[in-house]
Amino acid sequence: MSRRDDRIDKEAAALWRSLHDAPPPAGCSGAALLDMIVRGGDVPDYQRLHTPSLRDRNLTWPKA
């Protein structure tokens, strides 16, 4: 597993814990957790998903 994948797994697990106030399901990868979070529709109060002003200029991209 790459360092990038490790970071994604850790960030997804942290997001899961903050949204659900519980540990993530055992054995789930970061990608699977993110998929469950986003597709589950259980984040209605997360305004960035619903704001019309979220554009490319609001996102930070890694420096190459």
PDB file of N, CA and C in Angstrom:
ATOM      1  N   MET A   1       0.854  -1.179   0.000  1.00  0.00           N
ATOM      2  CA  MET A   1       0.000   0.000   0.000  1.00  0.00           C
ATOM      3  C   MET A   1       0.901   1.243   0.000  1.00  0.00           C
ATOM      4  N   SER A   2       0.506   2.233  -0.746  1.00  0.00           N
ATOM      5  CA  SER A   2       1.296   3.456  -0.860  1.00  0.00           C
ATOM      6  C   SER A   2       1.023   4.395   0.310  1.00  0.00           C
ATOM      7  N   ARG A   3       1.923   5.346   0.475  1.00  0.00           N
ATOM      8  CA  ARG A   3       1.721   6.354   1.515  1.00  0.00           C
ATOM      9  C   ARG A   3       0.457   7.158   1.242  1.00  0.00           C
ATOM     10  N   ARG A   4       0.171   7.389  -0.021  1.00  0.00           N
ATOM     11  CA  ARG A   4      -1.048   8.116  -0.394  1.00  0.00           C
ATOM     12  C   ARG A   4      -2.280   7.356   0.078  1.00  0.00           C
ATOM     13  N   ASP A   5      -2.309   6.052  -0.189  1.00  0.00           N
ATOM     14  CA  ASP A   5      -3.437   5.227   0.239  1.00  0.00           C
ATOM     15  C   ASP A   5      -3.559   5.204   1.761  1.00  0.00           C
ATOM     16  N   ASP A   6      -2.430   5.156   2.443  1.00  0.00           N
ATOM     17  CA  ASP A   6      -2.451   5.204   3.911  1.00  0.00           C
ATOM     18  C   ASP A   6      -3.081   6.497   4.407  1.00  0.00           C
ATOM     19  N   ARG A   7      -2.708   7.612   3.781  1.00  0.00           N
ATOM     20  CA  ARG A   7      -3.274   8.907   4.177  1.00  0.00           C
ATOM     21  C   ARG A   7      -4.773   8.960   3.921  1.00  0.00           C
ATOM     22  N   ILE A   8      -5.198   8.429   2.783  1.00  0.00           N
ATOM     23  CA  ILE A   8      -6.628   8.404   2.458  1.00  0.00           C
ATOM     24  C   ILE A   8      -7.376   7.556   3.482  1.00  0.00           C
ATOM     25  N   ASP A   9      -6.817   6.395   3.825  1.00  0.00           N
ATOM     26  CA  ASP A   9      -7.460   5.525   4.815  1.00  0.00           C
ATOM     27  C   ASP A   9      -7.607   6.242   6.157  1.00  0.00           C
ATOM     28  N   LYS A  10      -6.564   6.921   6.599  1.00  0.00           N
ATOM     29  CA  LYS A  10      -6.596   7.626   7.887  1.00  0.00           C
ATOM     30  C   LYS A  10      -7.587   8.783   7.864  1.00  0.00           C
ATOM     31  N   GLU A  11      -7.588   9.559   6.798  1.00  0.00           N
ATOM     32  CA  GLU A  11      -8.509  10.698   6.702  1.00  0.00           C
ATOM     33  C   GLU A  11      -9.966  10.233   6.612  1.00  0.00           C
ATOM     34  N   ALA A  12     -10.214   9.180   5.845  1.00  0.00           N
ATOM     35  CA  ALA A  12     -11.578   8.654   5.722  1.00  0.00           C
ATOM     36  C   ALA A  12     -12.067   8.109   7.063  1.00  0.00           C
ATOM     37  N   ALA A  13     -11.187   7.419   7.794  1.00  0.00           N
ATOM     38  CA  ALA A  13     -11.564   6.891   9.111  1.00  0.00           C
ATOM     39  C   ALA A  13     -11.861   8.031  10.078  1.00  0.00           C
ATOM     40  N   ALA A  14     -11.064   9.087  10.029  1.00  0.00           N
ATOM     41  CA  ALA A  14     -11.304  10.249  10.897  1.00  0.00           C
ATOM     42  C   ALA A  14     -12.635  10.913  10.553  1.00  0.00           C
ATOM     43  N   LEU A  15     -12.932  11.041   9.272  1.00  0.00           N
ATOM     44  CA  LEU A  15     -14.206  11.626   8.852  1.00  0.00           C
ATOM     45  C   LEU A  15     -15.366  10.760   9.318  1.00  0.00           C
ATOM     46  N   TRP A  16     -15.235   9.443   9.163  1.00  0.00           N
ATOM     47  CA  TRP A  16     -16.279   8.523   9.613  1.00  0.00           C
ATOM     48  C   TRP A  16     -16.535   8.698  11.113  1.00  0.00           C
ATOM     49  N   ARG A  17     -15.454   8.732  11.902  1.00  0.00           N
ATOM     50  CA  ARG A  17     -15.599   8.876  13.352  1.00  0.00           C
ATOM     51  C   ARG A  17     -16.274  10.188  13.715  1.00  0.00           C
ATOM     52  N   SER A  18     -15.946  11.261  12.995  1.00  0.00           N
ATOM     53  CA  SER A  18     -16.557  12.551  13.316  1.00  0.00           C
ATOM     54  C   SER A  18     -18.031  12.614  12.917  1.00  0.00           C
ATOM     55  N   LEU A  19     -18.406  11.931  11.851  1.00  0.00           N
ATOM     56  CA  LEU A  19     -19.804  11.931  11.415  1.00  0.00           C
ATOM     57  C   LEU A  19     -20.680  10.977  12.213  1.00  0.00           C
ATOM     58  N   HIS A  20     -20.111   9.831  12.597  1.00  0.00           N
ATOM     59  CA  HIS A  20     -20.913   8.785  13.220  1.00  0.00           C
ATOM     60  C   HIS A  20     -20.631   8.605  14.711  1.00  0.00           C
ATOM     61  N   ASP A  21     -19.637   9.290  15.223  1.00  0.00           N
ATOM     62  CA  ASP A  21     -19.251   9.168  16.630  1.00  0.00           C
ATOM     63  C   ASP A  21     -19.044   7.699  17.005  1.00  0.00           C
ATOM     64  N   ALA A  22     -18.431   6.965  16.089  1.00  0.00           N
ATOM     65  CA  ALA A  22     -18.150   5.543  16.282  1.00  0.00           C
ATOM     66  C   ALA A  22     -16.992   5.159  15.365  1.00  0.00           C
ATOM     67  N   PRO A  23     -16.297   4.084  15.688  1.00  0.00           N
ATOM     68  CA  PRO A  23     -15.220   3.647  14.794  1.00  0.00           C
ATOM     69  C   PRO A  23     -15.778   3.164  13.457  1.00  0.00           C
ATOM     70  N   PRO A  24     -14.974   3.264  12.410  1.00  0.00           N
ATOM     71  CA  PRO A  24     -15.442   2.787  11.101  1.00  0.00           C
ATOM     72  C   PRO A  24     -15.595   1.270  11.097  1.00  0.00           C
ATOM     73  N   PRO A  25     -16.394   0.738  10.182  1.00  0.00           N
ATOM     74  CA  PRO A  25     -16.537  -0.712  10.077  1.00  0.00           C
ATOM     75  C   PRO A  25     -15.180  -1.376   9.829  1.00  0.00           C
ATOM     76  N   ALA A  26     -14.956  -2.482  10.472  1.00  0.00           N
ATOM     77  CA  ALA A  26     -13.679  -3.198  10.357  1.00  0.00           C
ATOM     78  C   ALA A  26     -13.436  -3.647   8.918  1.00  0.00           C
ATOM     79  N   GLY A  27     -12.203  -3.508   8.495  1.00  0.00           N
ATOM     80  CA  GLY A  27     -11.796  -4.008   7.187  1.00  0.00           C
ATOM     81  C   GLY A  27     -12.124  -3.124   6.005  1.00  0.00           C
ATOM     82  N   CYS A  28     -12.707  -1.956   6.224  1.00  0.00           N
ATOM     83  CA  CYS A  28     -13.053  -1.057   5.115  1.00  0.00           C
ATOM     84  C   CYS A  28     -11.846  -0.195   4.741  1.00  0.00           C
ATOM     85  N   SER A  29     -11.611  -0.091   3.465  1.00  0.00           N
ATOM     86  CA  SER A  29     -10.562   0.805   2.979  1.00  0.00           C
ATOM     87  C   SER A  29     -11.081   2.240   3.035  1.00  0.00           C
ATOM     88  N   GLY A  30     -10.175   3.177   2.881  1.00  0.00           N
ATOM     89  CA  GLY A  30     -10.571   4.577   2.851  1.00  0.00           C
ATOM     90  C   GLY A  30     -11.547   4.858   1.724  1.00  0.00           C
ATOM     91  N   ALA A  31     -11.297   4.256   0.566  1.00  0.00           N
ATOM     92  CA  ALA A  31     -12.186   4.454  -0.582  1.00  0.00           C
ATOM     93  C   ALA A  31     -13.587   3.927  -0.283  1.00  0.00           C
ATOM     94  N   ALA A  32     -13.667   2.771   0.365  1.00  0.00           N
ATOM     95  CA  ALA A  32     -14.973   2.191   0.701  1.00  0.00           C
ATOM     96  C   ALA A  32     -15.702   3.066   1.718  1.00  0.00           C
ATOM     97  N   LEU A  33     -14.965   3.585   2.704  1.00  0.00           N
ATOM     98  CA  LEU A  33     -15.580   4.464   3.702  1.00  0.00           C
ATOM     99  C   LEU A  33     -16.125   5.725   3.053  1.00  0.00           C
ATOM    100  N   LEU A  34     -15.322   6.339   2.196  1.00  0.00           N
ATOM    101  CA  LEU A  34     -15.772   7.556   1.515  1.00  0.00           C
ATOM    102  C   LEU A  34     -16.999   7.278   0.659  1.00  0.00           C
ATOM    103  N   ASP A  35     -17.011   6.135   0.006  1.00  0.00           N
ATOM    104  CA  ASP A  35     -18.162   5.765  -0.812  1.00  0.00           C
ATOM    105  C   ASP A  35     -19.407   5.632   0.054  1.00  0.00           C
ATOM    106  N   MET A  36     -19.291   4.971   1.207  1.00  0.00           N
ATOM    107  CA  MET A  36     -20.439   4.815   2.102  1.00  0.00           C
ATOM    108  C   MET A  36     -20.902   6.168   2.639  1.00  0.00           C
ATOM    109  N   ILE A  37     -19.971   7.048   2.951  1.00  0.00           N
ATOM    110  CA  ILE A  37     -20.325   8.366   3.481  1.00  0.00           C
ATOM    111  C   ILE A  37     -21.064   9.184   2.433  1.00  0.00           C
ATOM    112  N   VAL A  38     -20.514   9.239   1.244  1.00  0.00           N
ATOM    113  CA  VAL A  38     -21.090  10.088   0.193  1.00  0.00           C
ATOM    114  C   VAL A  38     -22.373   9.494  -0.370  1.00  0.00           C
ATOM    115  N   ARG A  39     -22.385   8.228  -0.665  1.00  0.00           N
ATOM    116  CA  ARG A  39     -23.571   7.596  -1.248  1.00  0.00           C
ATOM    117  C   ARG A  39     -24.666   7.367  -0.226  1.00  0.00           C
ATOM    118  N   GLY A  40     -24.290   7.305   1.044  1.00  0.00           N
ATOM    119  CA  GLY A  40     -25.273   7.062   2.082  1.00  0.00           C
ATOM    120  C   GLY A  40     -26.198   8.235   2.293  1.00  0.00           C
ATOM    121  N   GLY A  41     -25.785   9.395   1.851  1.00  0.00           N
ATOM    122  CA  GLY A  41     -26.626  10.560   1.989  1.00  0.00           C
ATOM    123  C   GLY A  41     -26.831  10.990   3.425  1.00  0.00           C
ATOM    124  N   ASP A  42     -25.925  10.567   4.304  1.00  0.00           N
ATOM    125  CA  ASP A  42     -26.107  10.868   5.719  1.00  0.00           C
ATOM    126  C   ASP A  42     -25.302  12.084   6.163  1.00  0.00           C
ATOM    127  N   VAL A  43     -25.027  12.990   5.241  1.00  0.00           N
ATOM    128  CA  VAL A  43     -24.291  14.205   5.588  1.00  0.00           C
ATOM    129  C   VAL A  43     -25.044  15.451   5.111  1.00  0.00           C
ATOM    130  N   PRO A  44     -26.331  15.585   5.436  1.00  0.00           N
ATOM    131  CA  PRO A  44     -27.109  16.715   4.910  1.00  0.00           C
ATOM    132  C   PRO A  44     -26.668  18.074   5.429  1.00  0.00           C
ATOM    133  N   ASP A  45     -26.031  18.125   6.599  1.00  0.00           N
ATOM    134  CA  ASP A  45     -25.632  19.407   7.161  1.00  0.00           C
ATOM    135  C   ASP A  45     -24.259  19.874   6.669  1.00  0.00           C
ATOM    136  N   TYR A  46     -23.616  19.109   5.843  1.00  0.00           N
ATOM    137  CA  TYR A  46     -22.299  19.475   5.345  1.00  0.00           C
ATOM    138  C   TYR A  46     -22.492  20.456   4.189  1.00  0.00           C
ATOM    139  N   GLN A  47     -22.401  21.727   4.471  1.00  0.00           N
ATOM    140  CA  GLN A  47     -22.776  22.782   3.538  1.00  0.00           C
ATOM    141  C   GLN A  47     -21.940  22.807   2.262  1.00  0.00           C
ATOM    142  N   ARG A  48     -20.695  22.389   2.313  1.00  0.00           N
ATOM    143  CA  ARG A  48     -19.881  22.433   1.101  1.00  0.00           C
ATOM    144  C   ARG A  48     -20.441  21.536   0.007  1.00  0.00           C
ATOM    145  N   LEU A  49     -21.187  20.514   0.375  1.00  0.00           N
ATOM    146  CA  LEU A  49     -21.783  19.653  -0.643  1.00  0.00           C
ATOM    147  C   LEU A  49     -22.953  20.335  -1.339  1.00  0.00           C
ATOM    148  N   HIS A  50     -23.550  21.317  -0.681  1.00  0.00           N
ATOM    149  CA  HIS A  50     -24.756  21.928  -1.196  1.00  0.00           C
ATOM    150  C   HIS A  50     -24.585  23.375  -1.662  1.00  0.00           C
ATOM    151  N   THR A  51     -23.457  23.967  -1.400  1.00  0.00           N
ATOM    152  CA  THR A  51     -23.276  25.375  -1.727  1.00  0.00           C
ATOM    153  C   THR A  51     -23.062  25.577  -3.228  1.00  0.00           C
ATOM    154  N   PRO A  52     -23.728  26.548  -3.815  1.00  0.00           N
ATOM    155  CA  PRO A  52     -23.524  26.821  -5.241  1.00  0.00           C
ATOM    156  C   PRO A  52     -22.185  27.513  -5.501  1.00  0.00           C
ATOM    157  N   SER A  53     -21.527  27.994  -4.456  1.00  0.00           N
ATOM    158  CA  SER A  53     -20.268  28.730  -4.667  1.00  0.00           C
ATOM    159  C   SER A  53     -19.042  27.833  -4.647  1.00  0.00           C
ATOM    160  N   LEU A  54     -19.202  26.521  -4.524  1.00  0.00           N
ATOM    161  CA  LEU A  54     -18.052  25.627  -4.545  1.00  0.00           C
ATOM    162  C   LEU A  54     -17.588  25.459  -5.990  1.00  0.00           C
ATOM    163  N   ARG A  55     -16.499  26.068  -6.297  1.00  0.00           N
ATOM    164  CA  ARG A  55     -15.926  26.037  -7.643  1.00  0.00           C
ATOM    165  C   ARG A  55     -14.471  25.601  -7.562  1.00  0.00           C
ATOM    166  N   ASP A  56     -13.854  25.373  -8.702  1.00  0.00           N
ATOM    167  CA  ASP A  56     -12.457  24.968  -8.736  1.00  0.00           C
ATOM    168  C   ASP A  56     -11.565  25.928  -7.962  1.00  0.00           C
ATOM    169  N   ARG A  57     -11.889  27.207  -8.007  1.00  0.00           N
ATOM    170  CA  ARG A  57     -11.038  28.188  -7.325  1.00  0.00           C
ATOM    171  C   ARG A  57     -11.094  28.031  -5.806  1.00  0.00           C
ATOM    172  N   ASN A  58     -12.107  27.327  -5.280  1.00  0.00           N
ATOM    173  CA  ASN A  58     -12.234  27.096  -3.846  1.00  0.00           C
ATOM    174  C   ASN A  58     -11.466  25.862  -3.379  1.00  0.00           C
ATOM    175  N   LEU A  59     -10.963  25.087  -4.322  1.00  0.00           N
ATOM    176  CA  LEU A  59     -10.269  23.852  -3.984  1.00  0.00           C
ATOM    177  C   LEU A  59      -8.766  24.077  -4.000  1.00  0.00           C
ATOM    178  N   THR A  60      -8.074  23.340  -3.154  1.00  0.00           N
ATOM    179  CA  THR A  60      -6.620  23.420  -3.105  1.00  0.00           C
ATOM    180  C   THR A  60      -6.060  22.157  -3.746  1.00  0.00           C
ATOM    181  N   TRP A  61      -5.213  22.337  -4.724  1.00  0.00           N
ATOM    182  CA  TRP A  61      -4.608  21.198  -5.408  1.00  0.00           C
ATOM    183  C   TRP A  61      -3.164  21.057  -4.978  1.00  0.00           C
ATOM    184  N   PRO A  62      -2.639  19.835  -4.903  1.00  0.00           N
ATOM    185  CA  PRO A  62      -1.236  19.656  -4.528  1.00  0.00           C
ATOM    186  C   PRO A  62      -0.304  20.322  -5.547  1.00  0.00           C
ATOM    187  N   LYS A  63       0.757  20.869  -5.052  1.00  0.00           N
ATOM    188  CA  LYS A  63       1.769  21.467  -5.934  1.00  0.00           C
ATOM    189  C   LYS A  63       2.573  20.349  -6.588  1.00  0.00           C
ATOM    190  N   ALA A  64       2.770  20.450  -7.866  1.00  0.00           N
ATOM    191  CA  ALA A  64       3.520  19.409  -8.606  1.00  0.00           C
ATOM    192  C   ALA A  64       4.999  19.610  -8.474  1.00  0.00           C
TER     193      ALA A  64
END
